[in-house]
């Protein structure tokens, strides 16, 4: 895979969640917090990370990303 979009699609396919569904989930979250004008969002819980991104990891791992 050469591009970041190819990589993202591979992750979502592996997770079994349609990319459009993931986008809609993130859009709903954005609409929910938009009135508070946050400069970012930090998600630690494994289930929330998977719900919003499709990325899965073990509870003992501590993946970190700044986007």
Protein backbone atom coordinates (compact mmCIF):
# COMPACT_ATOMS: atom_id res chain seq x y z
CA UNK A 1 0.00 0.00 0.00
CA UNK A 2 1.41 3.31 -1.00
CA UNK A 3 -0.82 6.07 0.31
CA UNK A 4 -2.26 6.96 3.69
CA UNK A 5 -5.81 6.55 2.35
CA UNK A 6 -4.94 2.98 1.29
CA UNK A 7 -3.61 2.33 4.79
CA UNK A 8 -6.75 3.74 6.45
CA UNK A 9 -8.99 1.67 4.19
CA UNK A 10 -7.02 -1.49 5.06
CA UNK A 11 -7.47 -0.83 8.78
CA UNK A 12 -11.21 -0.26 8.48
CA UNK A 13 -11.67 -3.32 6.29
CA UNK A 14 -9.75 -5.41 8.84
CA UNK A 15 -11.95 -4.01 11.62
CA UNK A 16 -15.08 -4.83 9.61
CA UNK A 17 -16.43 -1.29 9.86
CA UNK A 18 -17.36 0.54 6.68
CA UNK A 19 -15.28 3.73 6.17
CA UNK A 20 -18.49 5.74 5.66
CA UNK A 21 -19.79 4.51 9.02
CA UNK A 22 -16.57 5.59 10.74
CA UNK A 23 -16.83 9.02 9.10
CA UNK A 24 -20.43 9.39 10.28
CA UNK A 25 -19.43 8.45 13.82
CA UNK A 26 -16.72 11.10 13.87
CA UNK A 27 -19.11 13.67 12.39
CA UNK A 28 -21.67 12.94 15.14
CA UNK A 29 -18.99 13.38 17.79
CA UNK A 30 -17.86 16.64 16.19
CA UNK A 31 -21.45 17.95 16.15
CA UNK A 32 -21.86 16.99 19.80
CA UNK A 33 -18.81 18.93 21.02
CA UNK A 34 -18.68 21.74 18.42
CA UNK A 35 -20.46 24.22 20.70
CA UNK A 36 -17.63 23.90 23.22
CA UNK A 37 -15.03 24.75 20.54
CA UNK A 38 -12.45 22.18 21.67
CA UNK A 39 -8.95 22.40 20.27
CA UNK A 40 -8.68 18.62 20.33
CA UNK A 41 -10.02 15.37 21.68
CA UNK A 42 -8.16 12.70 23.63
CA UNK A 43 -9.58 9.20 23.65
CA UNK A 44 -7.92 6.54 25.80
CA UNK A 45 -10.45 3.76 26.23
CA UNK A 46 -9.91 0.87 23.81
CA UNK A 47 -13.60 0.64 22.90
CA UNK A 48 -13.86 4.38 22.13
CA UNK A 49 -10.73 4.28 19.97
CA UNK A 50 -12.12 1.35 18.00
CA UNK A 51 -15.57 2.94 17.71
CA UNK A 52 -14.18 6.19 16.28
CA UNK A 53 -11.28 4.88 14.20
CA UNK A 54 -11.64 1.15 13.62
CA UNK A 55 -8.19 0.68 15.19
CA UNK A 56 -7.93 -2.23 17.63
CA UNK A 57 -5.23 -2.81 20.22
CA UNK A 58 -4.67 -4.81 23.36
CA UNK A 59 -5.63 -3.21 26.66
CA UNK A 60 -1.98 -3.49 27.79
CA UNK A 61 -0.73 -1.47 24.80
CA UNK A 62 -0.68 2.32 24.88
CA UNK A 63 -0.85 3.63 21.31
CA UNK A 64 -0.45 7.40 21.02
CA UNK A 65 -1.16 9.64 18.05
CA UNK A 66 -1.27 13.40 17.53
CA UNK A 67 -3.28 14.43 14.47
